[in-house]
Amino acid sequence: MRSNRWTKEDIDFLKKNYRNVPTVDIANHINKTQAAVTTRAWKLGLAGRERGKKKSNQDEELLEYASYGFKPYQIANIMGMNEERVKTIIREHS
């Protein structure tokens, strides 16, 4: 079972490794979902600096919807985008 609470150790690990370690590996190490890791990184100001990719405001909004469990087709409808483009942005930033 995944833990909902973030410990100081979890946050320190995330801060130290977010730019260089794949999100899935961080999530597995601290027992969180990938969405939880991405959301926390965004809240900490780490997202957007990862792997040299800069996120637009639209990308940040899209990823926030995804972190709350919205499906790509739902995000596409909300934001007036093509579903395939939504999937691509999610893949690029996870």
PDB file of N, CA and C in Angstrom:
ATOM      1  N   MET A   1       0.838  -1.188   0.000  1.00  0.00           N
ATOM      2  CA  MET A   1       0.000   0.000   0.000  1.00  0.00           C
ATOM      3  C   MET A   1       0.881   1.249   0.000  1.00  0.00           C
ATOM      4  N   ARG A   2       0.504   2.199  -0.792  1.00  0.00           N
ATOM      5  CA  ARG A   2       1.275   3.439  -0.888  1.00  0.00           C
ATOM      6  C   ARG A   2       0.906   4.373   0.259  1.00  0.00           C
ATOM      7  N   SER A   3       1.901   5.130   0.705  1.00  0.00           N
ATOM      8  CA  SER A   3       1.691   6.079   1.788  1.00  0.00           C
ATOM      9  C   SER A   3       1.292   7.436   1.225  1.00  0.00           C
ATOM     10  N   ASN A   4       0.294   8.060   1.821  1.00  0.00           N
ATOM     11  CA  ASN A   4      -0.140   9.382   1.368  1.00  0.00           C
ATOM     12  C   ASN A   4       0.693  10.497   1.975  1.00  0.00           C
ATOM     13  N   ARG A   5       1.267  10.264   3.112  1.00  0.00           N
ATOM     14  CA  ARG A   5       2.016  11.310   3.801  1.00  0.00           C
ATOM     15  C   ARG A   5       3.446  11.406   3.283  1.00  0.00           C
ATOM     16  N   TRP A   6       3.891  12.637   3.145  1.00  0.00           N
ATOM     17  CA  TRP A   6       5.258  12.887   2.712  1.00  0.00           C
ATOM     18  C   TRP A   6       6.106  13.176   3.945  1.00  0.00           C
ATOM     19  N   THR A   7       7.160  12.387   4.150  1.00  0.00           N
ATOM     20  CA  THR A   7       8.080  12.627   5.256  1.00  0.00           C
ATOM     21  C   THR A   7       9.165  13.598   4.794  1.00  0.00           C
ATOM     22  N   LYS A   8       9.898  14.111   5.749  1.00  0.00           N
ATOM     23  CA  LYS A   8      11.036  14.976   5.416  1.00  0.00           C
ATOM     24  C   LYS A   8      12.042  14.205   4.557  1.00  0.00           C
ATOM     25  N   GLU A   9      12.229  12.934   4.873  1.00  0.00           N
ATOM     26  CA  GLU A   9      13.157  12.101   4.113  1.00  0.00           C
ATOM     27  C   GLU A   9      12.688  11.930   2.661  1.00  0.00           C
ATOM     28  N   ASP A  10      11.362  11.746   2.469  1.00  0.00           N
ATOM     29  CA  ASP A  10      10.814  11.629   1.110  1.00  0.00           C
ATOM     30  C   ASP A  10      11.100  12.896   0.312  1.00  0.00           C
ATOM     31  N   ILE A  11      10.833  14.035   0.911  1.00  0.00           N
ATOM     32  CA  ILE A  11      11.024  15.322   0.231  1.00  0.00           C
ATOM     33  C   ILE A  11      12.502  15.567  -0.057  1.00  0.00           C
ATOM     34  N   ASP A  12      13.361  15.246   0.900  1.00  0.00           N
ATOM     35  CA  ASP A  12      14.806  15.403   0.673  1.00  0.00           C
ATOM     36  C   ASP A  12      15.287  14.518  -0.477  1.00  0.00           C
ATOM     37  N   PHE A  13      14.797  13.276  -0.512  1.00  0.00           N
ATOM     38  CA  PHE A  13      15.168  12.364  -1.593  1.00  0.00           C
ATOM     39  C   PHE A  13      14.692  12.909  -2.939  1.00  0.00           C
ATOM     40  N   LEU A  14      13.464  13.407  -2.970  1.00  0.00           N
ATOM     41  CA  LEU A  14      12.910  13.977  -4.201  1.00  0.00           C
ATOM     42  C   LEU A  14      13.744  15.163  -4.672  1.00  0.00           C
ATOM     43  N   LYS A  15      14.047  16.079  -3.770  1.00  0.00           N
ATOM     44  CA  LYS A  15      14.833  17.260  -4.131  1.00  0.00           C
ATOM     45  C   LYS A  15      16.213  16.873  -4.667  1.00  0.00           C
ATOM     46  N   LYS A  16      16.829  15.893  -4.043  1.00  0.00           N
ATOM     47  CA  LYS A  16      18.179  15.487  -4.431  1.00  0.00           C
ATOM     48  C   LYS A  16      18.200  14.773  -5.788  1.00  0.00           C
ATOM     49  N   ASN A  17      17.143  14.029  -6.106  1.00  0.00           N
ATOM     50  CA  ASN A  17      17.187  13.136  -7.260  1.00  0.00           C
ATOM     51  C   ASN A  17      16.281  13.499  -8.427  1.00  0.00           C
ATOM     52  N   TYR A  18      15.404  14.457  -8.285  1.00  0.00           N
ATOM     53  CA  TYR A  18      14.370  14.692  -9.290  1.00  0.00           C
ATOM     54  C   TYR A  18      14.919  15.000 -10.679  1.00  0.00           C
ATOM     55  N   ARG A  19      15.989  15.732 -10.762  1.00  0.00           N
ATOM     56  CA  ARG A  19      16.516  16.121 -12.077  1.00  0.00           C
ATOM     57  C   ARG A  19      17.218  14.989 -12.814  1.00  0.00           C
ATOM     58  N   ASN A  20      17.708  13.996 -12.064  1.00  0.00           N
ATOM     59  CA  ASN A  20      18.565  12.983 -12.681  1.00  0.00           C
ATOM     60  C   ASN A  20      18.022  11.560 -12.657  1.00  0.00           C
ATOM     61  N   VAL A  21      17.011  11.307 -11.860  1.00  0.00           N
ATOM     62  CA  VAL A  21      16.485   9.948 -11.712  1.00  0.00           C
ATOM     63  C   VAL A  21      15.073   9.916 -12.300  1.00  0.00           C
ATOM     64  N   PRO A  22      14.751   8.881 -13.082  1.00  0.00           N
ATOM     65  CA  PRO A  22      13.401   8.794 -13.650  1.00  0.00           C
ATOM     66  C   PRO A  22      12.321   8.815 -12.558  1.00  0.00           C
ATOM     67  N   THR A  23      11.223   9.456 -12.876  1.00  0.00           N
ATOM     68  CA  THR A  23      10.119   9.606 -11.927  1.00  0.00           C
ATOM     69  C   THR A  23       9.663   8.257 -11.384  1.00  0.00           C
ATOM     70  N   VAL A  24       9.590   7.259 -12.242  1.00  0.00           N
ATOM     71  CA  VAL A  24       9.132   5.939 -11.802  1.00  0.00           C
ATOM     72  C   VAL A  24      10.064   5.357 -10.737  1.00  0.00           C
ATOM     73  N   ASP A  25      11.360   5.582 -10.863  1.00  0.00           N
ATOM     74  CA  ASP A  25      12.316   5.066  -9.882  1.00  0.00           C
ATOM     75  C   ASP A  25      12.192   5.800  -8.550  1.00  0.00           C
ATOM     76  N   ILE A  26      12.000   7.098  -8.607  1.00  0.00           N
ATOM     77  CA  ILE A  26      11.794   7.865  -7.375  1.00  0.00           C
ATOM     78  C   ILE A  26      10.525   7.384  -6.687  1.00  0.00           C
ATOM     79  N   ALA A  27       9.448   7.240  -7.460  1.00  0.00           N
ATOM     80  CA  ALA A  27       8.164   6.801  -6.905  1.00  0.00           C
ATOM     81  C   ALA A  27       8.305   5.446  -6.214  1.00  0.00           C
ATOM     82  N   ASN A  28       8.976   4.521  -6.865  1.00  0.00           N
ATOM     83  CA  ASN A  28       9.166   3.197  -6.266  1.00  0.00           C
ATOM     84  C   ASN A  28       9.997   3.265  -4.993  1.00  0.00           C
ATOM     85  N   HIS A  29      11.035   4.090  -5.008  1.00  0.00           N
ATOM     86  CA  HIS A  29      11.927   4.188  -3.856  1.00  0.00           C
ATOM     87  C   HIS A  29      11.225   4.753  -2.619  1.00  0.00           C
ATOM     88  N   ILE A  30      10.374   5.753  -2.814  1.00  0.00           N
ATOM     89  CA  ILE A  30       9.711   6.386  -1.659  1.00  0.00           C
ATOM     90  C   ILE A  30       8.268   5.917  -1.486  1.00  0.00           C
ATOM     91  N   ASN A  31       7.879   4.909  -2.259  1.00  0.00           N
ATOM     92  CA  ASN A  31       6.554   4.293  -2.135  1.00  0.00           C
ATOM     93  C   ASN A  31       5.417   5.279  -2.397  1.00  0.00           C
ATOM     94  N   LYS A  32       5.539   6.003  -3.503  1.00  0.00           N
ATOM     95  CA  LYS A  32       4.508   6.946  -3.949  1.00  0.00           C
ATOM     96  C   LYS A  32       4.158   6.641  -5.396  1.00  0.00           C
ATOM     97  N   THR A  33       3.053   7.176  -5.867  1.00  0.00           N
ATOM     98  CA  THR A  33       2.719   7.040  -7.281  1.00  0.00           C
ATOM     99  C   THR A  33       3.544   8.044  -8.091  1.00  0.00           C
ATOM    100  N   GLN A  34       3.670   7.785  -9.390  1.00  0.00           N
ATOM    101  CA  GLN A  34       4.372   8.738 -10.253  1.00  0.00           C
ATOM    102  C   GLN A  34       3.655  10.079 -10.249  1.00  0.00           C
ATOM    103  N   ALA A  35       2.330  10.051 -10.245  1.00  0.00           N
ATOM    104  CA  ALA A  35       1.565  11.299 -10.224  1.00  0.00           C
ATOM    105  C   ALA A  35       1.843  12.085  -8.947  1.00  0.00           C
ATOM    106  N   ALA A  36       1.948  11.392  -7.823  1.00  0.00           N
ATOM    107  CA  ALA A  36       2.240  12.071  -6.553  1.00  0.00           C
ATOM    108  C   ALA A  36       3.623  12.714  -6.589  1.00  0.00           C
ATOM    109  N   VAL A  37       4.584  12.007  -7.157  1.00  0.00           N
ATOM    110  CA  VAL A  37       5.950  12.545  -7.257  1.00  0.00           C
ATOM    111  C   VAL A  37       5.963  13.780  -8.157  1.00  0.00           C
ATOM    112  N   THR A  38       5.306  13.696  -9.294  1.00  0.00           N
ATOM    113  CA  THR A  38       5.267  14.823 -10.227  1.00  0.00           C
ATOM    114  C   THR A  38       4.571  16.027  -9.603  1.00  0.00           C
ATOM    115  N   THR A  39       3.466  15.771  -8.927  1.00  0.00           N
ATOM    116  CA  THR A  39       2.721  16.867  -8.291  1.00  0.00           C
ATOM    117  C   THR A  39       3.549  17.527  -7.198  1.00  0.00           C
ATOM    118  N   ARG A  40       4.199  16.729  -6.371  1.00  0.00           N
ATOM    119  CA  ARG A  40       5.010  17.291  -5.285  1.00  0.00           C
ATOM    120  C   ARG A  40       6.196  18.059  -5.858  1.00  0.00           C
ATOM    121  N   ALA A  41       6.815  17.532  -6.900  1.00  0.00           N
ATOM    122  CA  ALA A  41       7.932  18.235  -7.536  1.00  0.00           C
ATOM    123  C   ALA A  41       7.475  19.576  -8.079  1.00  0.00           C
ATOM    124  N   TRP A  42       6.306  19.601  -8.687  1.00  0.00           N
ATOM    125  CA  TRP A  42       5.751  20.850  -9.215  1.00  0.00           C
ATOM    126  C   TRP A  42       5.525  21.845  -8.078  1.00  0.00           C
ATOM    127  N   LYS A  43       4.941  21.367  -6.977  1.00  0.00           N
ATOM    128  CA  LYS A  43       4.681  22.250  -5.826  1.00  0.00           C
ATOM    129  C   LYS A  43       5.973  22.776  -5.214  1.00  0.00           C
ATOM    130  N   LEU A  44       7.035  21.980  -5.286  1.00  0.00           N
ATOM    131  CA  LEU A  44       8.332  22.394  -4.739  1.00  0.00           C
ATOM    132  C   LEU A  44       9.137  23.240  -5.724  1.00  0.00           C
ATOM    133  N   GLY A  45       8.606  23.424  -6.928  1.00  0.00           N
ATOM    134  CA  GLY A  45       9.309  24.222  -7.929  1.00  0.00           C
ATOM    135  C   GLY A  45      10.394  23.449  -8.659  1.00  0.00           C
ATOM    136  N   LEU A  46      10.385  22.127  -8.542  1.00  0.00           N
ATOM    137  CA  LEU A  46      11.394  21.310  -9.212  1.00  0.00           C
ATOM    138  C   LEU A  46      11.003  20.988 -10.643  1.00  0.00           C
ATOM    139  N   ALA A  47       9.723  20.806 -10.879  1.00  0.00           N
ATOM    140  CA  ALA A  47       9.245  20.446 -12.213  1.00  0.00           C
ATOM    141  C   ALA A  47       9.500  21.601 -13.167  1.00  0.00           C
ATOM    142  N   GLY A  48       9.763  21.283 -14.394  1.00  0.00           N
ATOM    143  CA  GLY A  48      10.070  22.317 -15.381  1.00  0.00           C
ATOM    144  C   GLY A  48      11.561  22.500 -15.542  1.00  0.00           C
ATOM    145  N   ARG A  49      12.305  22.124 -14.499  1.00  0.00           N
ATOM    146  CA  ARG A  49      13.756  22.181 -14.595  1.00  0.00           C
ATOM    147  C   ARG A  49      14.321  20.797 -14.852  1.00  0.00           C
ATOM    148  N   GLU A  50      13.459  19.775 -14.781  1.00  0.00           N
ATOM    149  CA  GLU A  50      13.932  18.411 -14.947  1.00  0.00           C
ATOM    150  C   GLU A  50      14.397  18.140 -16.368  1.00  0.00           C
ATOM    151  N   ARG A  51      15.446  17.407 -16.489  1.00  0.00           N
ATOM    152  CA  ARG A  51      15.940  16.913 -17.769  1.00  0.00           C
ATOM    153  C   ARG A  51      16.014  17.992 -18.834  1.00  0.00           C
ATOM    154  N   GLY A  52      16.210  19.223 -18.419  1.00  0.00           N
ATOM    155  CA  GLY A  52      16.376  20.318 -19.342  1.00  0.00           C
ATOM    156  C   GLY A  52      15.126  20.744 -20.083  1.00  0.00           C
ATOM    157  N   LYS A  53      13.968  20.223 -19.699  1.00  0.00           N
ATOM    158  CA  LYS A  53      12.732  20.586 -20.383  1.00  0.00           C
ATOM    159  C   LYS A  53      12.040  21.706 -19.630  1.00  0.00           C
ATOM    160  N   LYS A  54      11.613  22.695 -20.364  1.00  0.00           N
ATOM    161  CA  LYS A  54      10.890  23.797 -19.758  1.00  0.00           C
ATOM    162  C   LYS A  54       9.408  23.641 -20.094  1.00  0.00           C
ATOM    163  N   LYS A  55       8.574  23.767 -19.076  1.00  0.00           N
ATOM    164  CA  LYS A  55       7.139  23.595 -19.275  1.00  0.00           C
ATOM    165  C   LYS A  55       6.466  24.943 -19.486  1.00  0.00           C
ATOM    166  N   SER A  56       5.514  24.950 -20.377  1.00  0.00           N
ATOM    167  CA  SER A  56       4.703  26.144 -20.565  1.00  0.00           C
ATOM    168  C   SER A  56       3.608  26.148 -19.512  1.00  0.00           C
ATOM    169  N   ASN A  57       2.935  27.286 -19.377  1.00  0.00           N
ATOM    170  CA  ASN A  57       1.816  27.360 -18.447  1.00  0.00           C
ATOM    171  C   ASN A  57       0.742  26.347 -18.822  1.00  0.00           C
ATOM    172  N   GLN A  58       0.537  26.161 -20.122  1.00  0.00           N
ATOM    173  CA  GLN A  58      -0.463  25.198 -20.581  1.00  0.00           C
ATOM    174  C   GLN A  58      -0.051  23.776 -20.178  1.00  0.00           C
ATOM    175  N   ASP A  59       1.234  23.460 -20.321  1.00  0.00           N
ATOM    176  CA  ASP A  59       1.724  22.141 -19.921  1.00  0.00           C
ATOM    177  C   ASP A  59       1.525  21.932 -18.426  1.00  0.00           C
ATOM    178  N   GLU A  60       1.834  22.949 -17.628  1.00  0.00           N
ATOM    179  CA  GLU A  60       1.669  22.831 -16.184  1.00  0.00           C
ATOM    180  C   GLU A  60       0.211  22.592 -15.815  1.00  0.00           C
ATOM    181  N   GLU A  61      -0.695  23.302 -16.469  1.00  0.00           N
ATOM    182  CA  GLU A  61      -2.114  23.117 -16.209  1.00  0.00           C
ATOM    183  C   GLU A  61      -2.544  21.699 -16.604  1.00  0.00           C
ATOM    184  N   LEU A  62      -2.106  21.256 -17.764  1.00  0.00           N
ATOM    185  CA  LEU A  62      -2.427  19.919 -18.248  1.00  0.00           C
ATOM    186  C   LEU A  62      -1.906  18.862 -17.270  1.00  0.00           C
ATOM    187  N   LEU A  63      -0.673  19.000 -16.822  1.00  0.00           N
ATOM    188  CA  LEU A  63      -0.090  18.026 -15.903  1.00  0.00           C
ATOM    189  C   LEU A  63      -0.769  18.043 -14.541  1.00  0.00           C
ATOM    190  N   GLU A  64      -1.244  19.193 -14.144  1.00  0.00           N
ATOM    191  CA  GLU A  64      -1.990  19.260 -12.889  1.00  0.00           C
ATOM    192  C   GLU A  64      -3.283  18.454 -13.004  1.00  0.00           C
ATOM    193  N   TYR A  65      -3.998  18.605 -14.111  1.00  0.00           N
ATOM    194  CA  TYR A  65      -5.197  17.792 -14.327  1.00  0.00           C
ATOM    195  C   TYR A  65      -4.833  16.308 -14.279  1.00  0.00           C
ATOM    196  N   ALA A  66      -3.749  15.941 -14.940  1.00  0.00           N
ATOM    197  CA  ALA A  66      -3.334  14.535 -14.967  1.00  0.00           C
ATOM    198  C   ALA A  66      -3.003  14.032 -13.569  1.00  0.00           C
ATOM    199  N   SER A  67      -2.375  14.882 -12.765  1.00  0.00           N
ATOM    200  CA  SER A  67      -2.003  14.462 -11.405  1.00  0.00           C
ATOM    201  C   SER A  67      -3.227  14.213 -10.530  1.00  0.00           C
ATOM    202  N   TYR A  68      -4.341  14.813 -10.894  1.00  0.00           N
ATOM    203  CA  TYR A  68      -5.576  14.595 -10.133  1.00  0.00           C
ATOM    204  C   TYR A  68      -6.388  13.437 -10.692  1.00  0.00           C
ATOM    205  N   GLY A  69      -5.817  12.712 -11.649  1.00  0.00           N
ATOM    206  CA  GLY A  69      -6.453  11.507 -12.147  1.00  0.00           C
ATOM    207  C   GLY A  69      -7.306  11.662 -13.394  1.00  0.00           C
ATOM    208  N   PHE A  70      -7.314  12.858 -13.986  1.00  0.00           N
ATOM    209  CA  PHE A  70      -8.063  13.030 -15.231  1.00  0.00           C
ATOM    210  C   PHE A  70      -7.401  12.216 -16.341  1.00  0.00           C
ATOM    211  N   LYS A  71      -8.185  11.609 -17.186  1.00  0.00           N
ATOM    212  CA  LYS A  71      -7.699  10.838 -18.332  1.00  0.00           C
ATOM    213  C   LYS A  71      -7.347  11.796 -19.470  1.00  0.00           C
ATOM    214  N   PRO A  72      -6.424  11.383 -20.370  1.00  0.00           N
ATOM    215  CA  PRO A  72      -6.040  12.262 -21.482  1.00  0.00           C
ATOM    216  C   PRO A  72      -7.221  12.782 -22.301  1.00  0.00           C
ATOM    217  N   TYR A  73      -8.229  11.939 -22.565  1.00  0.00           N
ATOM    218  CA  TYR A  73      -9.371  12.413 -23.355  1.00  0.00           C
ATOM    219  C   TYR A  73     -10.159  13.481 -22.592  1.00  0.00           C
ATOM    220  N   GLN A  74     -10.208  13.371 -21.259  1.00  0.00           N
ATOM    221  CA  GLN A  74     -10.899  14.381 -20.462  1.00  0.00           C
ATOM    222  C   GLN A  74     -10.132  15.696 -20.470  1.00  0.00           C
ATOM    223  N   ILE A  75      -8.820  15.606 -20.327  1.00  0.00           N
ATOM    224  CA  ILE A  75      -7.980  16.805 -20.353  1.00  0.00           C
ATOM    225  C   ILE A  75      -8.092  17.486 -21.712  1.00  0.00           C
ATOM    226  N   ALA A  76      -8.065  16.692 -22.774  1.00  0.00           N
ATOM    227  CA  ALA A  76      -8.187  17.238 -24.131  1.00  0.00           C
ATOM    228  C   ALA A  76      -9.501  18.005 -24.281  1.00  0.00           C
ATOM    229  N   ASN A  77     -10.585  17.447 -23.786  1.00  0.00           N
ATOM    230  CA  ASN A  77     -11.887  18.126 -23.870  1.00  0.00           C
ATOM    231  C   ASN A  77     -11.910  19.411 -23.055  1.00  0.00           C
ATOM    232  N   ILE A  78     -11.367  19.370 -21.851  1.00  0.00           N
ATOM    233  CA  ILE A  78     -11.357  20.549 -20.980  1.00  0.00           C
ATOM    234  C   ILE A  78     -10.534  21.680 -21.592  1.00  0.00           C
ATOM    235  N   MET A  79      -9.375  21.322 -22.143  1.00  0.00           N
ATOM    236  CA  MET A  79      -8.433  22.330 -22.624  1.00  0.00           C
ATOM    237  C   MET A  79      -8.545  22.614 -24.117  1.00  0.00           C
ATOM    238  N   GLY A  80      -9.436  21.909 -24.807  1.00  0.00           N
ATOM    239  CA  GLY A  80      -9.599  22.138 -26.242  1.00  0.00           C
ATOM    240  C   GLY A  80      -8.387  21.717 -27.044  1.00  0.00           C
ATOM    241  N   MET A  81      -7.802  20.588 -26.671  1.00  0.00           N
ATOM    242  CA  MET A  81      -6.598  20.092 -27.337  1.00  0.00           C
ATOM    243  C   MET A  81      -6.867  18.740 -27.967  1.00  0.00           C
ATOM    244  N   ASN A  82      -5.940  18.302 -28.797  1.00  0.00           N
ATOM    245  CA  ASN A  82      -5.958  16.973 -29.379  1.00  0.00           C
ATOM    246  C   ASN A  82      -5.490  15.977 -28.325  1.00  0.00           C
ATOM    247  N   GLU A  83      -6.191  14.851 -28.205  1.00  0.00           N
ATOM    248  CA  GLU A  83      -5.854  13.853 -27.188  1.00  0.00           C
ATOM    249  C   GLU A  83      -4.426  13.318 -27.338  1.00  0.00           C
ATOM    250  N   GLU A  84      -3.971  13.119 -28.568  1.00  0.00           N
ATOM    251  CA  GLU A  84      -2.615  12.608 -28.786  1.00  0.00           C
ATOM    252  C   GLU A  84      -1.566  13.606 -28.288  1.00  0.00           C
ATOM    253  N   ARG A  85      -1.835  14.896 -28.478  1.00  0.00           N
ATOM    254  CA  ARG A  85      -0.903  15.924 -27.980  1.00  0.00           C
ATOM    255  C   ARG A  85      -0.843  15.895 -26.457  1.00  0.00           C
ATOM    256  N   VAL A  86      -1.999  15.708 -25.828  1.00  0.00           N
ATOM    257  CA  VAL A  86      -2.046  15.603 -24.364  1.00  0.00           C
ATOM    258  C   VAL A  86      -1.186  14.429 -23.910  1.00  0.00           C
ATOM    259  N   LYS A  87      -1.338  13.280 -24.558  1.00  0.00           N
ATOM    260  CA  LYS A  87      -0.550  12.095 -24.198  1.00  0.00           C
ATOM    261  C   LYS A  87       0.939  12.351 -24.362  1.00  0.00           C
ATOM    262  N   THR A  88       1.310  13.053 -25.431  1.00  0.00           N
ATOM    263  CA  THR A  88       2.719  13.357 -25.677  1.00  0.00           C
ATOM    264  C   THR A  88       3.292  14.238 -24.573  1.00  0.00           C
ATOM    265  N   ILE A  89       2.562  15.265 -24.188  1.00  0.00           N
ATOM    266  CA  ILE A  89       3.047  16.170 -23.132  1.00  0.00           C
ATOM    267  C   ILE A  89       3.194  15.422 -21.817  1.00  0.00           C
ATOM    268  N   ILE A  90       2.233  14.577 -21.505  1.00  0.00           N
ATOM    269  CA  ILE A  90       2.325  13.795 -20.259  1.00  0.00           C
ATOM    270  C   ILE A  90       3.557  12.896 -20.294  1.00  0.00           C
ATOM    271  N   ARG A  91       3.790  12.238 -21.423  1.00  0.00           N
ATOM    272  CA  ARG A  91       4.960  11.360 -21.558  1.00  0.00           C
ATOM    273  C   ARG A  91       6.257  12.144 -21.430  1.00  0.00           C
ATOM    274  N   GLU A  92       6.314  13.312 -22.043  1.00  0.00           N
ATOM    275  CA  GLU A  92       7.542  14.113 -22.020  1.00  0.00           C
ATOM    276  C   GLU A  92       7.913  14.580 -20.617  1.00  0.00           C
ATOM    277  N   HIS A  93       6.942  14.750 -19.763  1.00  0.00           N
ATOM    278  CA  HIS A  93       7.191  15.309 -18.444  1.00  0.00           C
ATOM    279  C   HIS A  93       7.023  14.318 -17.307  1.00  0.00           C
ATOM    280  N   SER A  94       7.015  13.035 -17.621  1.00  0.00           N
ATOM    281  CA  SER A  94       6.912  12.059 -16.530  1.00  0.00           C
ATOM    282  C   SER A  94       8.183  11.257 -16.390  1.00  0.00           C
TER     283      SER A  94
END
